């Protein structure tokens, strides 16, 4: 059974995945990581989606509103 959960950036599974992603990016970015890290903050992320199969975490995404209301 799959579970797709709409949640916030406070979700513990989402936060754990962000830590892992940051560790990966730090290695990949090398000396430029400090510059790029400024754009990878959770402050403005309100909506996230966390996907599970059985009880195993499959993926996480965040949804960022880039359109201004009319």
C-alpha atoms as a PDB file:
ATOM      1  CA  UNK A   1       0.000   0.000   0.000  1.00  0.00           C
ATOM      2  CA  UNK A   2       1.230   3.472  -0.866  1.00  0.00           C
ATOM      3  CA  UNK A   3       0.707   6.519   1.297  1.00  0.00           C
ATOM      4  CA  UNK A   4       1.153  10.020  -0.079  1.00  0.00           C
ATOM      5  CA  UNK A   5       1.086  12.527   2.731  1.00  0.00           C
ATOM      6  CA  UNK A   6       0.824  16.277   2.257  1.00  0.00           C
ATOM      7  CA  UNK A   7       2.540  17.873   5.203  1.00  0.00           C
ATOM      8  CA  UNK A   8       4.867  20.709   6.194  1.00  0.00           C
ATOM      9  CA  UNK A   9       8.629  21.162   6.345  1.00  0.00           C
ATOM     10  CA  UNK A  10       8.380  20.154  10.009  1.00  0.00           C
ATOM     11  CA  UNK A  11       7.810  16.503   9.047  1.00  0.00           C
ATOM     12  CA  UNK A  12      10.659  14.467  10.550  1.00  0.00           C
ATOM     13  CA  UNK A  13      11.126  12.278   7.463  1.00  0.00           C
ATOM     14  CA  UNK A  14      11.293  15.355   5.254  1.00  0.00           C
ATOM     15  CA  UNK A  15      13.858  16.967   7.572  1.00  0.00           C
ATOM     16  CA  UNK A  16      15.976  13.793   7.635  1.00  0.00           C
ATOM     17  CA  UNK A  17      16.062  13.715   3.840  1.00  0.00           C
ATOM     18  CA  UNK A  18      17.041  17.390   3.709  1.00  0.00           C
ATOM     19  CA  UNK A  19      20.032  16.627   5.964  1.00  0.00           C
ATOM     20  CA  UNK A  20      21.109  13.803   3.654  1.00  0.00           C
ATOM     21  CA  UNK A  21      20.700  16.028   0.603  1.00  0.00           C
ATOM     22  CA  UNK A  22      22.744  18.788   2.219  1.00  0.00           C
ATOM     23  CA  UNK A  23      25.560  16.336   2.986  1.00  0.00           C
ATOM     24  CA  UNK A  24      25.548  15.179  -0.649  1.00  0.00           C
ATOM     25  CA  UNK A  25      25.522  18.749  -1.979  1.00  0.00           C
ATOM     26  CA  UNK A  26      28.344  19.768   0.350  1.00  0.00           C
ATOM     27  CA  UNK A  27      30.565  17.089  -1.207  1.00  0.00           C
ATOM     28  CA  UNK A  28      29.475  17.879  -4.748  1.00  0.00           C
ATOM     29  CA  UNK A  29      29.710  21.678  -4.416  1.00  0.00           C
ATOM     30  CA  UNK A  30      33.109  21.620  -2.736  1.00  0.00           C
ATOM     31  CA  UNK A  31      34.402  25.126  -2.020  1.00  0.00           C
ATOM     32  CA  UNK A  32      31.264  26.698  -3.535  1.00  0.00           C
ATOM     33  CA  UNK A  33      28.940  25.048  -1.019  1.00  0.00           C
ATOM     34  CA  UNK A  34      28.707  28.111   1.230  1.00  0.00           C
ATOM     35  CA  UNK A  35      27.449  30.161  -1.701  1.00  0.00           C
ATOM     36  CA  UNK A  36      24.833  27.597  -2.806  1.00  0.00           C
ATOM     37  CA  UNK A  37      23.740  26.717   0.741  1.00  0.00           C
ATOM     38  CA  UNK A  38      22.168  30.151   1.171  1.00  0.00           C
ATOM     39  CA  UNK A  39      19.480  29.127  -1.334  1.00  0.00           C
ATOM     40  CA  UNK A  40      18.703  25.807   0.385  1.00  0.00           C
ATOM     41  CA  UNK A  41      16.810  26.948   3.460  1.00  0.00           C
ATOM     42  CA  UNK A  42      13.543  25.566   4.801  1.00  0.00           C
ATOM     43  CA  UNK A  43      12.284  28.928   6.061  1.00  0.00           C
ATOM     44  CA  UNK A  44       9.881  29.579   3.187  1.00  0.00           C
ATOM     45  CA  UNK A  45       8.762  26.007   2.529  1.00  0.00           C
ATOM     46  CA  UNK A  46       5.187  25.547   3.658  1.00  0.00           C
ATOM     47  CA  UNK A  47       4.026  22.505   1.689  1.00  0.00           C
ATOM     48  CA  UNK A  48       5.778  19.181   1.320  1.00  0.00           C
ATOM     49  CA  UNK A  49       4.785  15.746   0.102  1.00  0.00           C
ATOM     50  CA  UNK A  50       6.161  12.583   1.689  1.00  0.00           C
ATOM     51  CA  UNK A  51       5.615   9.230  -0.033  1.00  0.00           C
ATOM     52  CA  UNK A  52       5.705   5.850   1.675  1.00  0.00           C
ATOM     53  CA  UNK A  53       5.336   2.250   0.531  1.00  0.00           C
ATOM     54  CA  UNK A  54       4.224   0.094   3.429  1.00  0.00           C
ATOM     55  CA  UNK A  55       6.185   1.913   6.160  1.00  0.00           C
ATOM     56  CA  UNK A  56       9.261   2.623   4.032  1.00  0.00           C
ATOM     57  CA  UNK A  57       9.972   6.161   2.939  1.00  0.00           C
ATOM     58  CA  UNK A  58      10.163   6.421  -0.844  1.00  0.00           C
ATOM     59  CA  UNK A  59      10.610  10.103  -1.578  1.00  0.00           C
ATOM     60  CA  UNK A  60      10.009  13.637  -0.402  1.00  0.00           C
ATOM     61  CA  UNK A  61       9.340  16.810  -2.362  1.00  0.00           C
ATOM     62  CA  UNK A  62       8.599  20.380  -1.527  1.00  0.00           C
ATOM     63  CA  UNK A  63       6.148  22.638  -3.275  1.00  0.00           C
ATOM     64  CA  UNK A  64       7.120  26.237  -3.744  1.00  0.00           C
ATOM     65  CA  UNK A  65       4.672  28.832  -4.947  1.00  0.00           C
ATOM     66  CA  UNK A  66       6.431  30.854  -7.630  1.00  0.00           C
ATOM     67  CA  UNK A  67       3.353  32.551  -9.014  1.00  0.00           C
ATOM     68  CA  UNK A  68       1.917  35.722  -7.593  1.00  0.00           C
ATOM     69  CA  UNK A  69      -1.856  35.789  -6.989  1.00  0.00           C
ATOM     70  CA  UNK A  70      -3.866  37.696  -9.572  1.00  0.00           C
END
